[in-house]
Amino acid sequence: MEIIGKDPGGSWWQILYPAGTQGKGWVTSRYVTSGSPLEVPVIGSGANPNDGNVAVVQQQLNVRSGPGADFNSVGTLNPQDVVRLIGKDTN
């Protein structure tokens, strides 16, 4: 298998796959190991985790309708999801 790219969070690898669209496909990085660190380009959203306004989620998080645990959960983020930060509460 030849890895040619990764998603911004590093949780998916793009590989050469002849049966896939344009000869490529995606596999979860969870079940792929490499003997050395891979230097592959980030493909996808254009979000750069090294950008100060972008963050990589470290563990599953609830997304809430407001800033605090008293607000309703509206969804979840998973480890290695990449999010763009657009604001914060005053605290």
N, C-alpha and C. Protein backbone atom coordinates (compact mmCIF):
# COMPACT_ATOMS: atom_id res chain seq x y z
N MET A 1 0.86 -1.17 0.00
CA MET A 1 0.00 0.00 0.00
C MET A 1 0.91 1.23 0.00
N GLU A 2 0.60 2.18 -0.85
CA GLU A 2 1.37 3.42 -0.89
C GLU A 2 0.50 4.57 -0.38
N ILE A 3 0.94 5.19 0.71
CA ILE A 3 0.23 6.32 1.30
C ILE A 3 0.69 7.59 0.59
N ILE A 4 -0.28 8.38 0.11
CA ILE A 4 0.08 9.58 -0.65
C ILE A 4 -0.44 10.87 -0.02
N GLY A 5 -1.23 10.76 1.06
CA GLY A 5 -1.75 11.96 1.71
C GLY A 5 -2.48 11.59 2.98
N LYS A 6 -2.90 12.63 3.72
CA LYS A 6 -3.67 12.43 4.95
C LYS A 6 -4.69 13.54 5.09
N ASP A 7 -5.73 13.28 5.90
CA ASP A 7 -6.70 14.33 6.19
C ASP A 7 -6.09 15.30 7.20
N PRO A 8 -6.67 16.48 7.39
CA PRO A 8 -6.06 17.47 8.29
C PRO A 8 -5.85 16.97 9.72
N GLY A 9 -6.70 16.07 10.21
CA GLY A 9 -6.54 15.56 11.56
C GLY A 9 -5.60 14.37 11.67
N GLY A 10 -5.18 13.84 10.54
CA GLY A 10 -4.28 12.69 10.54
C GLY A 10 -4.94 11.37 10.88
N SER A 11 -6.27 11.32 10.84
CA SER A 11 -6.95 10.08 11.20
C SER A 11 -7.28 9.22 9.97
N TRP A 12 -7.07 9.76 8.78
CA TRP A 12 -7.31 9.01 7.54
C TRP A 12 -6.13 9.19 6.60
N TRP A 13 -5.73 8.11 5.94
CA TRP A 13 -4.67 8.15 4.94
C TRP A 13 -5.28 8.02 3.55
N GLN A 14 -4.77 8.80 2.61
CA GLN A 14 -5.15 8.60 1.21
C GLN A 14 -4.10 7.66 0.61
N ILE A 15 -4.57 6.64 -0.11
CA ILE A 15 -3.67 5.64 -0.68
C ILE A 15 -3.91 5.52 -2.18
N LEU A 16 -2.91 4.98 -2.88
CA LEU A 16 -3.12 4.59 -4.26
C LEU A 16 -3.94 3.31 -4.25
N TYR A 17 -5.06 3.32 -4.98
CA TYR A 17 -5.97 2.18 -5.00
C TYR A 17 -6.60 2.12 -6.39
N PRO A 18 -6.09 1.25 -7.26
CA PRO A 18 -6.52 1.23 -8.66
C PRO A 18 -8.03 1.14 -8.87
N ALA A 19 -8.76 0.47 -7.97
CA ALA A 19 -10.21 0.32 -8.13
C ALA A 19 -10.98 1.54 -7.66
N GLY A 20 -10.30 2.50 -7.02
CA GLY A 20 -10.96 3.68 -6.50
C GLY A 20 -11.11 4.78 -7.53
N THR A 21 -11.85 5.82 -7.17
CA THR A 21 -12.03 6.98 -8.02
C THR A 21 -10.66 7.61 -8.29
N GLN A 22 -10.33 7.81 -9.52
CA GLN A 22 -9.05 8.38 -9.94
C GLN A 22 -7.86 7.58 -9.41
N GLY A 23 -8.07 6.28 -9.14
CA GLY A 23 -6.99 5.41 -8.69
C GLY A 23 -6.56 5.63 -7.25
N LYS A 24 -7.44 6.26 -6.45
CA LYS A 24 -7.12 6.57 -5.06
C LYS A 24 -8.24 6.12 -4.14
N GLY A 25 -7.94 6.01 -2.83
CA GLY A 25 -8.94 5.68 -1.83
C GLY A 25 -8.46 6.16 -0.47
N TRP A 26 -9.31 5.99 0.55
CA TRP A 26 -9.00 6.44 1.92
C TRP A 26 -9.15 5.29 2.88
N VAL A 27 -8.22 5.18 3.85
CA VAL A 27 -8.30 4.17 4.91
C VAL A 27 -8.06 4.86 6.25
N THR A 28 -8.66 4.31 7.30
CA THR A 28 -8.44 4.88 8.63
C THR A 28 -7.01 4.62 9.08
N SER A 29 -6.38 5.60 9.68
CA SER A 29 -5.00 5.43 10.14
C SER A 29 -4.92 4.59 11.41
N ARG A 30 -6.06 4.37 12.04
CA ARG A 30 -6.11 3.60 13.28
C ARG A 30 -5.52 2.20 13.11
N TYR A 31 -5.70 1.60 11.93
CA TYR A 31 -5.26 0.22 11.72
C TYR A 31 -4.07 0.12 10.78
N VAL A 32 -3.36 1.22 10.57
CA VAL A 32 -2.21 1.22 9.69
C VAL A 32 -0.99 1.63 10.51
N THR A 33 0.06 0.83 10.43
CA THR A 33 1.29 1.18 11.14
C THR A 33 2.43 1.32 10.15
N SER A 34 3.39 2.14 10.52
CA SER A 34 4.55 2.38 9.68
C SER A 34 5.79 2.29 10.54
N GLY A 35 6.88 1.81 9.97
CA GLY A 35 8.12 1.70 10.71
C GLY A 35 8.78 3.04 10.99
N SER A 36 8.37 4.07 10.26
CA SER A 36 8.96 5.39 10.45
C SER A 36 7.89 6.44 10.25
N PRO A 37 8.09 7.64 10.79
CA PRO A 37 7.10 8.71 10.59
C PRO A 37 6.94 9.02 9.10
N LEU A 38 5.72 9.24 8.69
CA LEU A 38 5.45 9.51 7.28
C LEU A 38 5.34 11.01 7.04
N GLU A 39 5.99 11.46 6.01
CA GLU A 39 5.88 12.86 5.59
C GLU A 39 5.00 12.88 4.35
N VAL A 40 3.72 13.09 4.55
CA VAL A 40 2.78 13.13 3.44
C VAL A 40 1.98 14.42 3.51
N PRO A 41 1.52 14.92 2.36
CA PRO A 41 0.78 16.18 2.38
C PRO A 41 -0.61 16.03 2.98
N VAL A 42 -1.10 17.12 3.56
CA VAL A 42 -2.48 17.17 4.06
C VAL A 42 -3.38 17.45 2.87
N ILE A 43 -4.43 16.67 2.75
CA ILE A 43 -5.38 16.79 1.65
C ILE A 43 -6.75 17.04 2.25
N GLY A 44 -7.48 17.97 1.69
CA GLY A 44 -8.85 18.15 2.17
C GLY A 44 -9.22 19.58 2.42
N SER A 45 -9.60 19.87 3.65
CA SER A 45 -10.25 21.14 3.97
C SER A 45 -9.37 22.36 3.81
N GLY A 46 -8.09 22.19 3.69
CA GLY A 46 -7.21 23.33 3.63
C GLY A 46 -6.86 23.86 5.01
N ALA A 47 -7.43 23.27 6.05
CA ALA A 47 -7.11 23.70 7.41
C ALA A 47 -5.73 23.17 7.78
N ASN A 48 -4.90 24.03 8.28
CA ASN A 48 -3.56 23.65 8.69
C ASN A 48 -3.51 23.60 10.21
N PRO A 49 -3.29 22.40 10.81
CA PRO A 49 -3.27 22.31 12.27
C PRO A 49 -2.21 23.20 12.92
N ASN A 50 -1.23 23.68 12.16
CA ASN A 50 -0.22 24.58 12.71
C ASN A 50 -0.68 26.03 12.70
N ASP A 51 -1.81 26.31 12.07
CA ASP A 51 -2.39 27.65 12.05
C ASP A 51 -2.92 27.94 13.46
N GLY A 52 -2.71 29.14 13.95
CA GLY A 52 -3.14 29.49 15.30
C GLY A 52 -4.64 29.44 15.51
N ASN A 53 -5.44 29.47 14.45
CA ASN A 53 -6.89 29.46 14.58
C ASN A 53 -7.49 28.09 14.30
N VAL A 54 -6.66 27.05 14.28
CA VAL A 54 -7.12 25.69 14.03
C VAL A 54 -6.64 24.81 15.17
N ALA A 55 -7.48 23.86 15.56
CA ALA A 55 -7.11 22.94 16.64
C ALA A 55 -7.47 21.51 16.24
N VAL A 56 -6.72 20.55 16.78
CA VAL A 56 -6.99 19.14 16.57
C VAL A 56 -7.57 18.60 17.88
N VAL A 57 -8.74 17.98 17.80
CA VAL A 57 -9.43 17.44 18.98
C VAL A 57 -8.64 16.25 19.52
N GLN A 58 -8.44 16.21 20.83
CA GLN A 58 -7.65 15.15 21.46
C GLN A 58 -8.49 14.00 22.01
N GLN A 59 -9.75 14.27 22.36
CA GLN A 59 -10.65 13.23 22.84
C GLN A 59 -12.07 13.62 22.46
N GLN A 60 -12.99 12.68 22.50
CA GLN A 60 -14.36 12.98 22.10
C GLN A 60 -14.91 14.11 22.97
N LEU A 61 -15.53 15.09 22.31
CA LEU A 61 -16.07 16.27 23.00
C LEU A 61 -17.53 16.49 22.62
N ASN A 62 -18.32 16.96 23.56
CA ASN A 62 -19.66 17.42 23.25
C ASN A 62 -19.58 18.83 22.68
N VAL A 63 -20.34 19.09 21.64
CA VAL A 63 -20.50 20.45 21.12
C VAL A 63 -21.80 20.95 21.73
N ARG A 64 -21.74 22.09 22.37
CA ARG A 64 -22.90 22.61 23.11
C ARG A 64 -23.45 23.87 22.46
N SER A 65 -24.70 24.18 22.77
CA SER A 65 -25.36 25.35 22.19
C SER A 65 -24.87 26.66 22.79
N GLY A 66 -24.08 26.59 23.85
CA GLY A 66 -23.52 27.78 24.50
C GLY A 66 -22.31 27.40 25.32
N PRO A 67 -21.63 28.39 25.89
CA PRO A 67 -20.38 28.14 26.61
C PRO A 67 -20.58 27.65 28.04
N GLY A 68 -20.80 26.37 28.21
CA GLY A 68 -20.95 25.81 29.54
C GLY A 68 -21.66 24.48 29.51
N ALA A 69 -21.41 23.66 30.53
CA ALA A 69 -22.01 22.32 30.59
C ALA A 69 -23.52 22.37 30.81
N ASP A 70 -24.07 23.52 31.20
CA ASP A 70 -25.51 23.65 31.39
C ASP A 70 -26.26 23.78 30.07
N PHE A 71 -25.56 24.06 28.98
CA PHE A 71 -26.19 24.20 27.67
C PHE A 71 -26.38 22.82 27.04
N ASN A 72 -27.38 22.70 26.16
CA ASN A 72 -27.69 21.43 25.49
C ASN A 72 -26.56 21.01 24.57
N SER A 73 -26.34 19.69 24.51
CA SER A 73 -25.39 19.12 23.56
C SER A 73 -26.07 19.09 22.19
N VAL A 74 -25.37 19.57 21.17
CA VAL A 74 -25.92 19.58 19.81
C VAL A 74 -25.18 18.62 18.89
N GLY A 75 -24.14 17.95 19.42
CA GLY A 75 -23.37 17.00 18.62
C GLY A 75 -22.08 16.64 19.33
N THR A 76 -21.21 15.93 18.62
CA THR A 76 -19.92 15.54 19.18
C THR A 76 -18.81 15.75 18.17
N LEU A 77 -17.60 15.92 18.68
CA LEU A 77 -16.38 15.91 17.88
C LEU A 77 -15.57 14.70 18.33
N ASN A 78 -14.84 14.11 17.41
CA ASN A 78 -14.07 12.91 17.70
C ASN A 78 -12.57 13.20 17.71
N PRO A 79 -11.77 12.34 18.35
CA PRO A 79 -10.32 12.53 18.33
C PRO A 79 -9.81 12.68 16.90
N GLN A 80 -8.91 13.60 16.72
CA GLN A 80 -8.25 13.91 15.46
C GLN A 80 -9.11 14.72 14.49
N ASP A 81 -10.35 15.09 14.88
CA ASP A 81 -11.11 16.04 14.07
C ASP A 81 -10.37 17.37 14.11
N VAL A 82 -10.38 18.08 13.00
CA VAL A 82 -9.75 19.40 12.94
C VAL A 82 -10.85 20.44 12.92
N VAL A 83 -10.76 21.42 13.79
CA VAL A 83 -11.78 22.46 13.88
C VAL A 83 -11.15 23.83 13.74
N ARG A 84 -11.89 24.75 13.13
CA ARG A 84 -11.44 26.14 13.03
C ARG A 84 -12.03 26.89 14.20
N LEU A 85 -11.20 27.59 14.94
CA LEU A 85 -11.64 28.35 16.10
C LEU A 85 -12.05 29.75 15.65
N ILE A 86 -13.30 30.14 16.02
CA ILE A 86 -13.81 31.44 15.56
C ILE A 86 -14.13 32.38 16.70
N GLY A 87 -14.03 31.91 17.94
CA GLY A 87 -14.30 32.78 19.08
C GLY A 87 -14.24 32.03 20.38
N LYS A 88 -14.33 32.77 21.49
CA LYS A 88 -14.34 32.17 22.82
C LYS A 88 -15.16 33.04 23.75
N ASP A 89 -15.59 32.46 24.88
CA ASP A 89 -16.32 33.26 25.85
C ASP A 89 -15.33 34.16 26.61
N THR A 90 -15.84 35.09 27.38
CA THR A 90 -14.98 36.06 28.04
C THR A 90 -14.11 35.46 29.13
N ASN A 91 -14.43 34.26 29.59
CA ASN A 91 -13.62 33.61 30.62
C ASN A 91 -12.48 32.84 30.01
